[in-house]
Every structure is written in C-alpha cells, then in structure tokens.
Protein backbone atom coordinates (compact mmCIF):
# COMPACT_ATOMS: atom_id res chain seq x y z
CA UNK A 1 -1.33 -5.69 11.70
CA UNK A 2 -3.85 -7.16 9.20
CA UNK A 3 -4.40 -10.41 11.12
CA UNK A 4 -5.94 -12.31 8.18
CA UNK A 5 -2.77 -12.02 6.07
CA UNK A 6 -0.49 -12.74 9.01
CA UNK A 7 -2.47 -15.85 9.93
CA UNK A 8 -2.58 -17.08 6.34
CA UNK A 9 1.15 -16.57 5.90
CA UNK A 10 2.01 -18.32 9.16
CA UNK A 11 -0.23 -21.26 8.22
CA UNK A 12 1.38 -21.60 4.79
CA UNK A 13 4.96 -21.06 6.01
CA UNK A 14 7.43 -23.92 6.17
CA UNK A 15 11.21 -24.19 6.32
CA UNK A 16 11.03 -25.87 2.90
CA UNK A 17 9.32 -22.81 1.44
CA UNK A 18 11.90 -20.56 3.08
CA UNK A 19 14.72 -22.57 1.50
CA UNK A 20 12.87 -22.50 -1.84
CA UNK A 21 12.51 -18.71 -1.51
CA UNK A 22 16.25 -18.23 -0.90
CA UNK A 23 17.15 -20.67 -3.68
CA UNK A 24 14.98 -18.74 -6.16
CA UNK A 25 16.79 -15.51 -5.28
CA UNK A 26 20.10 -17.28 -5.78
CA UNK A 27 19.00 -18.73 -9.14
CA UNK A 28 17.81 -15.33 -10.37
CA UNK A 29 21.06 -13.60 -9.40
CA UNK A 30 23.67 -16.34 -9.51
CA UNK A 31 24.97 -15.43 -6.04
CA UNK A 32 23.98 -15.79 -2.39
CA UNK A 33 22.60 -12.66 -0.69
CA UNK A 34 25.26 -11.14 1.58
CA UNK A 35 22.70 -10.38 4.27
CA UNK A 36 20.06 -12.39 6.09
CA UNK A 37 16.73 -12.79 4.32
CA UNK A 38 13.74 -12.73 6.66
CA UNK A 39 11.38 -15.66 6.50
CA UNK A 40 8.39 -13.32 6.46
CA UNK A 41 7.10 -10.18 4.79
CA UNK A 42 5.76 -7.31 6.89
CA UNK A 43 1.98 -6.83 6.75
CA UNK A 44 0.76 -3.28 7.35
CA UNK A 45 -2.61 -1.55 6.99
CA UNK A 46 -3.56 0.91 4.25
CA UNK A 47 -4.04 3.46 7.04
CA UNK A 48 -0.38 2.98 8.05
CA UNK A 49 0.65 3.36 4.39
CA UNK A 50 -1.26 6.66 4.20
CA UNK A 51 0.56 7.86 7.34
CA UNK A 52 3.91 6.94 5.77
CA UNK A 53 3.14 8.78 2.56
CA UNK A 54 1.82 11.82 4.45
CA UNK A 55 5.02 12.24 6.47
CA UNK A 56 7.21 11.55 3.41
CA UNK A 57 5.38 14.25 1.42
CA UNK A 58 5.86 16.66 4.34
CA UNK A 59 9.59 15.83 4.48
CA UNK A 60 9.89 16.44 0.72
CA UNK A 61 8.12 19.81 1.10
CA UNK A 62 10.44 20.81 3.94
CA UNK A 63 13.58 19.79 2.03
CA UNK A 64 12.46 21.75 -1.03
CA UNK A 65 11.86 24.84 1.14
CA UNK A 66 15.33 24.79 2.72
CA UNK A 67 17.80 27.38 1.41
CA UNK A 68 20.65 25.83 -0.57
CA UNK A 69 23.13 27.52 1.81
CA UNK A 70 21.67 25.51 4.72
CA UNK A 71 22.21 22.24 2.87
CA UNK A 72 25.72 23.29 1.81
CA UNK A 73 26.75 23.48 5.48
CA UNK A 74 26.46 19.69 5.71
CA UNK A 75 29.30 19.04 3.25
CA UNK A 76 32.72 18.55 4.91
CA UNK A 77 35.44 20.73 3.39
CA UNK A 78 37.49 17.70 2.36
CA UNK A 79 34.48 16.19 0.53
CA UNK A 80 33.69 18.99 -1.91
CA UNK A 81 33.06 17.64 -5.43
CA UNK A 82 32.54 19.81 -8.55
CA UNK A 83 29.34 19.92 -10.65
CA UNK A 84 26.66 19.58 -7.98
CA UNK A 85 23.02 19.17 -9.07
CA UNK A 86 19.92 21.11 -7.98
CA UNK A 87 18.31 17.99 -6.50
CA UNK A 88 19.28 14.38 -5.76
CA UNK A 89 18.31 11.41 -7.94
CA UNK A 90 17.38 9.23 -4.97
CA UNK A 91 15.66 9.69 -1.63
CA UNK A 92 15.31 6.91 0.94
CA UNK A 93 13.40 7.53 4.18
CA UNK A 94 13.52 5.11 7.13
CA UNK A 95 10.75 4.72 9.73
CA UNK A 96 10.46 2.65 12.85
CA UNK A 97 7.10 0.91 13.32
CA UNK A 98 6.25 2.22 16.77
CA UNK A 99 3.59 2.53 19.45
CA UNK A 100 2.65 5.99 20.70
CA UNK A 101 1.50 7.01 24.18
CA UNK A 102 -2.13 6.29 23.24
CA UNK A 103 -1.27 2.71 22.26
CA UNK A 104 -1.63 3.37 18.52
CA UNK A 105 0.81 1.97 15.95
CA UNK A 106 2.44 4.72 13.92
CA UNK A 107 5.61 5.42 11.90
CA UNK A 108 8.45 7.41 13.44
CA UNK A 109 11.25 8.81 11.29
CA UNK A 110 14.63 7.22 12.03
CA UNK A 111 16.80 8.68 9.28
CA UNK A 112 16.86 9.69 5.63
CA UNK A 113 19.43 9.59 2.82
CA UNK A 114 19.80 10.83 -0.74
CA UNK A 115 21.73 7.67 -1.50
CA UNK A 116 20.63 4.65 -3.55
CA UNK A 117 19.45 1.59 -1.69
CA UNK A 118 18.56 -1.90 -2.95
CA UNK A 119 16.15 -0.72 -5.66
CA UNK A 120 16.67 -3.52 -8.19
CA UNK A 121 16.90 -6.24 -5.53
CA UNK A 122 13.79 -5.13 -3.67
CA UNK A 123 11.54 -5.43 -6.72
CA UNK A 124 12.77 -9.00 -7.37
CA UNK A 125 12.43 -9.73 -3.64
CA UNK A 126 8.76 -8.71 -3.66
CA UNK A 127 8.08 -10.73 -6.82
CA UNK A 128 9.72 -13.81 -5.31
CA UNK A 129 7.59 -13.56 -2.16
CA UNK A 130 4.52 -13.52 -4.43
CA UNK A 131 5.74 -16.56 -6.39
CA UNK A 132 6.21 -18.64 -3.23
CA UNK A 133 3.03 -17.32 -1.56
CA UNK A 134 0.55 -16.54 -4.39
CA UNK A 135 -2.05 -14.98 -2.08
CA UNK A 136 0.30 -11.98 -1.75
CA UNK A 137 -0.47 -10.93 -5.33
CA UNK A 138 -3.68 -9.21 -4.19
CA UNK A 139 -1.79 -6.78 -1.91
CA UNK A 140 1.46 -6.37 -3.84
CA UNK A 141 2.92 -3.08 -5.10
CA UNK A 142 0.72 -2.07 -8.05
CA UNK A 143 3.56 -0.57 -10.13
CA UNK A 144 4.24 -2.90 -13.11
CA UNK A 145 7.78 -4.19 -13.59
CA UNK A 146 8.13 -2.32 -16.90
CA UNK A 147 7.15 1.02 -15.34
CA UNK A 148 9.54 0.39 -12.44
CA UNK A 149 12.34 -0.40 -14.93
CA UNK A 150 11.63 2.73 -16.97
CA UNK A 151 11.87 5.00 -13.92
CA UNK A 152 15.24 3.53 -12.94
CA UNK A 153 16.44 3.59 -16.55
CA UNK A 154 15.52 7.24 -16.97
CA UNK A 155 17.25 8.24 -13.72
CA UNK A 156 20.40 6.12 -14.01
CA UNK A 157 21.02 5.80 -17.77
CA UNK A 158 19.23 8.89 -19.10
CA UNK A 159 19.98 9.40 -22.80
CA UNK A 160 23.32 7.57 -22.74
CA UNK A 161 24.22 4.17 -24.13
CA UNK A 162 24.17 1.68 -21.21
CA UNK A 163 27.77 0.70 -21.94
CA UNK A 164 28.82 4.27 -21.06
CA UNK A 165 27.10 4.06 -17.66
CA UNK A 166 28.61 2.18 -14.71
CA UNK A 167 27.62 1.22 -11.20
CA UNK A 168 30.62 2.40 -9.17
CA UNK A 169 31.57 0.71 -5.89
CA UNK A 170 34.74 -0.01 -3.97
CA UNK A 171 35.55 -3.76 -4.08
CA UNK A 172 31.95 -4.57 -5.17
CA UNK A 173 32.39 -8.33 -4.86
CA UNK A 174 33.07 -7.89 -1.13
CA UNK A 175 29.96 -5.80 -0.45
CA UNK A 176 26.96 -7.33 1.33
CA UNK A 177 24.77 -5.66 -1.30
CA UNK A 178 26.48 -7.39 -4.27
CA UNK A 179 23.22 -9.18 -5.15
CA UNK A 180 21.64 -5.79 -5.87
CA UNK A 181 24.52 -4.93 -8.21
CA UNK A 182 23.81 -8.14 -10.16
CA UNK A 183 20.10 -7.37 -10.46
CA UNK A 184 20.89 -3.77 -11.50
CA UNK A 185 23.18 -5.06 -14.26
CA UNK A 186 20.46 -7.44 -15.47
CA UNK A 187 17.76 -4.78 -15.33
CA UNK A 188 19.64 -1.93 -17.00
CA UNK A 189 22.46 -3.57 -18.97
CA UNK A 190 25.22 -1.66 -17.18
CA UNK A 191 28.50 -2.88 -15.68
CA UNK A 192 29.58 -2.79 -12.05
CA UNK A 193 33.10 -1.35 -11.84
CA UNK A 194 35.45 -1.14 -8.87
CA UNK A 195 36.82 2.32 -8.14
CA UNK A 196 40.36 0.91 -8.32
CA UNK A 197 39.75 -0.23 -11.94
CA UNK A 198 38.65 3.16 -13.31
CA UNK A 199 41.15 4.70 -15.77
CA UNK A 200 41.63 8.46 -16.21
CA UNK A 201 42.87 10.40 -19.22
CA UNK A 202 42.59 14.16 -18.92
CA UNK A 203 39.05 14.93 -17.71
CA UNK A 204 37.64 11.67 -19.03
CA UNK A 205 37.18 8.35 -17.21
CA UNK A 206 37.24 4.85 -18.71
CA UNK A 207 36.75 1.23 -17.73
CA UNK A 208 38.02 -1.87 -19.46
CA UNK A 209 35.62 -4.38 -21.02
CA UNK A 210 36.78 -7.32 -23.17
CA UNK A 211 40.16 -5.65 -23.66
CA UNK A 212 38.67 -2.33 -24.83
CA UNK A 213 38.59 0.98 -22.97
CA UNK A 214 35.01 2.28 -22.71
CA UNK A 215 34.35 5.92 -21.82
CA UNK A 216 32.29 6.49 -18.65
CA UNK A 217 29.69 9.24 -19.09
CA UNK A 218 27.40 8.57 -16.13
CA UNK A 219 28.27 7.08 -12.72
CA UNK A 220 25.56 5.34 -10.68
CA UNK A 221 27.48 5.98 -7.49
CA UNK A 222 27.34 3.42 -4.67
CA UNK A 223 30.62 4.52 -3.03
CA UNK A 224 30.27 6.15 0.38
CA UNK A 225 32.74 8.93 -0.26
CA UNK A 226 33.79 9.73 3.31
CA UNK A 227 34.69 6.08 3.98
CA UNK A 228 37.43 6.02 1.33
CA UNK A 229 39.97 7.57 3.72
CA UNK A 230 39.54 4.58 6.05
CA UNK A 231 40.63 2.03 3.44
CA UNK A 232 44.37 1.32 3.85
CA UNK A 233 46.66 1.39 0.79
CA UNK A 234 43.83 2.42 -1.56
CA UNK A 235 45.26 3.31 -4.98
CA UNK A 236 43.02 4.98 -7.57
CA UNK A 237 43.64 6.94 -10.77
CA UNK A 238 41.09 9.63 -10.02
CA UNK A 239 39.86 11.52 -6.97
CA UNK A 240 36.18 12.34 -6.44
CA UNK A 241 37.16 15.97 -5.87
CA UNK A 242 38.59 16.38 -9.38
CA UNK A 243 36.65 18.18 -12.10
CA UNK A 244 35.91 15.27 -14.42
CA UNK A 245 33.69 14.97 -17.48
CA UNK A 246 30.98 12.67 -16.04
CA UNK A 247 27.45 12.96 -14.68
CA UNK A 248 27.06 11.74 -11.08
CA UNK A 249 23.91 9.72 -10.27
CA UNK A 250 23.55 10.92 -7.59
CA UNK A 251 26.12 13.62 -6.88
CA UNK A 252 28.25 12.79 -3.78
CA UNK A 253 27.23 16.04 -2.05
CA UNK A 254 23.70 14.76 -1.55
CA UNK A 255 24.92 11.97 0.75
CA UNK A 256 25.78 14.74 3.22
CA UNK A 257 23.01 17.23 2.46
CA UNK A 258 20.12 14.79 2.97
CA UNK A 259 21.22 12.84 6.00
CA UNK A 260 20.92 12.87 9.79
CA UNK A 261 22.10 16.49 9.40
CA UNK A 262 18.49 17.39 8.51
CA UNK A 263 16.78 15.69 11.45
CA UNK A 264 16.96 18.69 13.83
CA UNK A 265 15.43 20.87 11.07
CA UNK A 266 12.37 18.71 10.25
CA UNK A 267 9.00 18.90 12.01
CA UNK A 268 6.00 16.53 11.91
CA UNK A 269 4.07 14.42 14.41
CA UNK A 270 5.89 11.34 13.06
CA UNK A 271 9.35 12.93 13.35
CA UNK A 272 11.02 12.55 16.78
CA UNK A 273 12.63 15.71 18.13
CA UNK A 274 16.37 15.89 17.39
CA UNK A 275 19.17 18.27 18.33
CA UNK A 276 22.74 18.78 17.25
CA UNK A 277 24.85 17.68 20.21
CA UNK A 278 26.34 21.14 20.71
CA UNK A 279 22.80 22.63 20.82
CA UNK A 280 21.23 20.13 23.21
CA UNK A 281 19.04 22.09 25.69
CA UNK A 282 19.71 21.86 29.41
CA UNK A 283 16.02 21.18 30.16
CA UNK A 284 16.00 17.96 28.09
CA UNK A 285 16.94 14.62 29.65
CA UNK A 286 19.79 12.73 28.01
CA UNK A 287 18.33 9.30 28.90
CA UNK A 288 15.41 10.02 26.52
CA UNK A 289 17.72 10.33 23.52
CA UNK A 290 19.88 8.24 21.19
CA UNK A 291 23.31 9.56 20.19
CA UNK A 292 24.14 9.26 16.47
CA UNK A 293 27.12 10.40 14.40
CA UNK A 294 25.91 12.42 11.40
CA UNK A 295 27.65 10.40 8.72
CA UNK A 296 27.76 6.71 9.50
CA UNK A 297 26.27 3.68 7.81
CA UNK A 298 24.48 0.55 9.05
CA UNK A 299 24.17 1.69 12.65
CA UNK A 300 27.89 2.19 13.31
CA UNK A 301 28.66 4.60 16.13
CA UNK A 302 25.08 4.73 17.45
CA UNK A 303 24.82 4.88 21.26
CA UNK A 304 21.40 3.88 22.64
CA UNK A 305 22.24 4.98 26.18
CA UNK A 306 24.51 8.04 26.04
CA UNK A 307 25.81 9.54 29.27
CA UNK A 308 27.12 13.03 30.08
CA UNK A 309 30.61 11.55 30.28
CA UNK A 310 30.28 10.14 26.77
CA UNK A 311 28.90 13.34 25.24
CA UNK A 312 31.38 15.56 27.06
CA UNK A 313 34.30 13.57 25.62
CA UNK A 314 33.18 14.20 22.02
CA UNK A 315 35.23 17.03 20.51
CA UNK A 316 33.37 17.53 17.22
CA UNK A 317 29.91 17.88 18.76
CA UNK A 318 28.53 19.52 15.61
CA UNK A 319 28.97 16.15 13.86
CA UNK A 320 26.58 14.33 16.22
CA UNK A 321 22.87 14.50 16.91
CA UNK A 322 20.71 13.43 19.82
CA UNK A 323 17.39 11.98 18.61
CA UNK A 324 14.46 11.32 20.94
CA UNK A 325 13.98 7.58 21.54
CA UNK A 326 10.98 5.86 20.03
CA UNK A 327 9.38 2.56 20.98
CA UNK A 328 9.65 -0.02 18.22
CA UNK A 329 6.67 -2.25 18.86
CA UNK A 330 7.04 -6.04 18.49
CA UNK A 331 3.85 -6.77 16.53
CA UNK A 332 4.96 -9.22 13.82
CA UNK A 333 4.06 -12.67 15.09
CA UNK A 334 6.21 -15.65 14.07
CA UNK A 335 5.24 -19.33 13.95
CA UNK A 336 6.46 -19.84 17.55
CA UNK A 337 4.20 -17.10 18.93
CA UNK A 338 7.12 -14.68 19.42
CA UNK A 339 7.14 -11.18 17.97
CA UNK A 340 9.56 -9.16 15.84
CA UNK A 341 9.99 -5.40 15.47
CA UNK A 342 10.58 -3.73 12.14
CA UNK A 343 11.68 -0.71 10.16
CA UNK A 344 10.46 0.29 6.72
CA UNK A 345 12.43 2.26 4.13
CA UNK A 346 10.56 4.15 1.44
CA UNK A 347 12.48 4.12 -1.86
CA UNK A 348 12.03 7.21 -4.07
CA UNK A 349 13.64 8.27 -7.35
CA UNK A 350 13.79 11.91 -8.44
CA UNK A 351 13.92 12.51 -12.17
CA UNK A 352 15.85 15.65 -13.09
CA UNK A 353 12.90 17.60 -14.54
CA UNK A 354 10.34 16.54 -11.92
CA UNK A 355 9.21 18.81 -9.13
CA UNK A 356 8.90 15.88 -6.73
CA UNK A 357 10.34 12.38 -6.34
CA UNK A 358 8.32 9.24 -7.14
CA UNK A 359 7.86 6.34 -4.71
CA UNK A 360 8.97 3.08 -6.37
CA UNK A 361 9.23 0.43 -3.65
CA UNK A 362 9.80 -0.21 0.02
CA UNK A 363 12.37 -2.18 1.97
CA UNK A 364 11.65 -3.82 5.32
CA UNK A 365 14.02 -4.89 8.07
CA UNK A 366 12.89 -7.14 10.91
CA UNK A 367 14.59 -7.77 14.24
CA UNK A 368 14.23 -9.17 17.72
CA UNK A 369 17.25 -7.18 18.96
CA UNK A 370 17.65 -3.68 20.40
CA UNK A 371 18.89 -2.38 17.04
CA UNK A 372 17.36 -3.20 13.69
CA UNK A 373 20.66 -3.84 11.91
CA UNK A 374 20.72 -7.60 11.34
CA UNK A 375 24.22 -7.97 12.78
CA UNK A 376 22.75 -7.37 16.25
CA UNK A 377 20.41 -10.39 16.18
CA UNK A 378 20.91 -13.77 17.80
CA UNK A 379 21.95 -16.37 15.24
CA UNK A 380 19.03 -18.74 15.88
CA UNK A 381 16.27 -16.09 15.75
CA UNK A 382 13.59 -16.19 13.04
CA UNK A 383 11.49 -13.44 11.43
CA UNK A 384 14.63 -11.27 11.26
CA UNK A 385 16.53 -9.73 8.39
CA UNK A 386 15.73 -8.07 5.09
CA UNK A 387 12.04 -8.07 4.19
CA UNK A 388 9.34 -6.28 2.18
CA UNK A 389 6.11 -4.62 3.32
CA UNK A 390 2.70 -5.45 1.88
CA UNK A 391 -0.23 -3.10 2.56
CA UNK A 392 -3.86 -4.25 2.76
CA UNK A 393 -7.22 -3.60 4.33
CA UNK A 394 -7.86 -4.97 7.82
C-alpha cells in the first residue's frame, strides 16, 4: 500500500528513532504508554480512505434510520440509566484491512461503538510520528490542532467551566489508556477522577480538588458500565442507575445501543454478514464464522473457531453473534521483509445539534498474530501495536 512511503519509512527507520519516538511521547505526557507502540505507521491509499468513508457514511445513515425501540432492546435491564440522549457524542468504527475474493484490498467492518477511544492521544501520536519522520507531514491529517481541540471541547465541556467537567474512570492510574487521560487533561483542562472518589449529596455529585469540593456538571465517561459488577469489593457513593443532576458524555446507554448488537442489522459490501446466535440459519456453515459476545472489550470472549458443542452450551444465545470471517491481509512490510496485518478505527464526534458526526482522527492497530489485540502477539515481534494511518496517492 503506497510503496513509495513504505520504502522511504523503512529506509529511514532505526531502533534509535523508535526509542526517540517513545521517549517523546513519554516527555509529552509524563508517563509510559500502557500498551505497545508500533514502530511504524500504516500507509493506505486515498482510494482505501474513500472506501472507509463511504461505508462509515452508510453505517451512520442506517443507524439514524433505526427506530429508537430497536436500539432500546440492546440495553440490559440492570443497566438502565436515566436521562438518555437522542444521539451519542462519540462513534468509533473498526475495520479490518482485508483481501477479497478478487484479490483486492478493502475494508471489512469488525465492530463499532458509541464509546470514546484514544482521541487526545491519537492526535499527539500522529504529530509525534511527523516530528520523527518529517516526510509524513505531506500526507498527515489535514485538520489543524486548534480545530481538533475545539470539536472535543464543544462535545466534552460544552458551555460549562472545565473544573465542573471530569473524565470518569475506575482506578484510572491502573488503566492501559492512562496516557490518553493525561493528554485529555492537558488539552481540555479537566480532571480525571476515579469512580470511588466521587461524592454525592442529594442529586448532585462532587469531587475533591485541593481540599475543596467541586460540583460535577458533565461526566466524560470512560467507565464500561457492565464491568463494574465484576470488580470485587467496589464501594462507591453513587450508582449509575440513579437520577443525578449531571450530563453524561456520552450517556451509558449508547455503549449498548451502538455495539456488536447492530452488526446483524447493517448491510453494505464492506460489512460481513452477521447473525444473532439464536437466529443462525441451518444452511450457513459454522466454520465460516467467528463467535463474539455482544458486550465485551479488547477481544475478550471471542472464539475464532466455534463448534456446535460450544454454541449449544451457551444459554444466553441472544447475547452472542456469529460474524462471517474475513481475511486480514499481511501487507505492511517491516525492515526484515516480514509482513503485518492491521485494523483501523475511525474516530468520530457527534455534536448535540449536528445531524451527523464529524470524523476527527483514526487509530491503527498492527499485528502478526491471529487476533489484532496486542496481547496476542509474540514478545519479540516488530511492526505490532498501536499505530496511526496516513493516506496518500500511489
């Protein structure tokens, strides 16, 4: 994909530059990334970018056309939260970079979420790639930093004072994504607050800063609500399901409504056929499908080779989907002549008065393993981990 940029990058690459790259990220944030940083960006053609945007626009159209009652069915009864919104504030859409039956490289939808990803980190990540490899400037994301900041500020802070807006997470210092929290704080001037530190008085929430209680009016929510029940001995002063006087960014319901739950409902040439497990047709072949739980994160619970014995043993079949397998194509050549596969995540924000979301950035993930999640890679592999895609002419 775009051989001239790949060849130039591989010629300029060195382990010293890779260490410099990681050190710059550490200097900018003050902490080490909690996940592996790939040595290389992903180079893709403008044609591929147009395909990505075409399928994303189709997905957005299809989501907007769905009745609200259909989306409501995705929310588990024990996860109902008051004060839902008409649309989410974030939309992230993941695609595998695949080869079709004609030998052409194309995107294939893997999953989608109305849940914030590494927005602040990814912009710094792209900038740092360009600082270490200046030739990347000519194919970088054209959105200026100030415009990017204003979009995030409008969505997350709105009209409030930044001190009344928090990034909410559970034990944030333990999260792999902590570096993004730091960059978000720097970008927007808000605090990251652990769920266990939030105070509640009546319908109002507070956090402590320099010995003072500060009212929380907007929550940039990074807590995966349905995982809270799995944390032993968790003590908090408020429950998500309570009617509290705050604005959720984005409301917890959207984590369920825009999720793998939608995959069987979406149609496009770049969307693999999916079925709810309890609706899987008898004339389909199980070996052509991947089994996925509806609500899991970072690849947990995914079965690449499901059997009838496995699927028959699942009691809550409505909470699983079978998604047709796609062929991730190893096309990203490293300095040793070996090839990596990749996924790309499109990062949208959706301002409250806009008809459609706006694409801000992308996030790449590279692998040499069967699954893209970095935890599945061999420790000595290169060209694996978190990355960023650059689009150019061939």
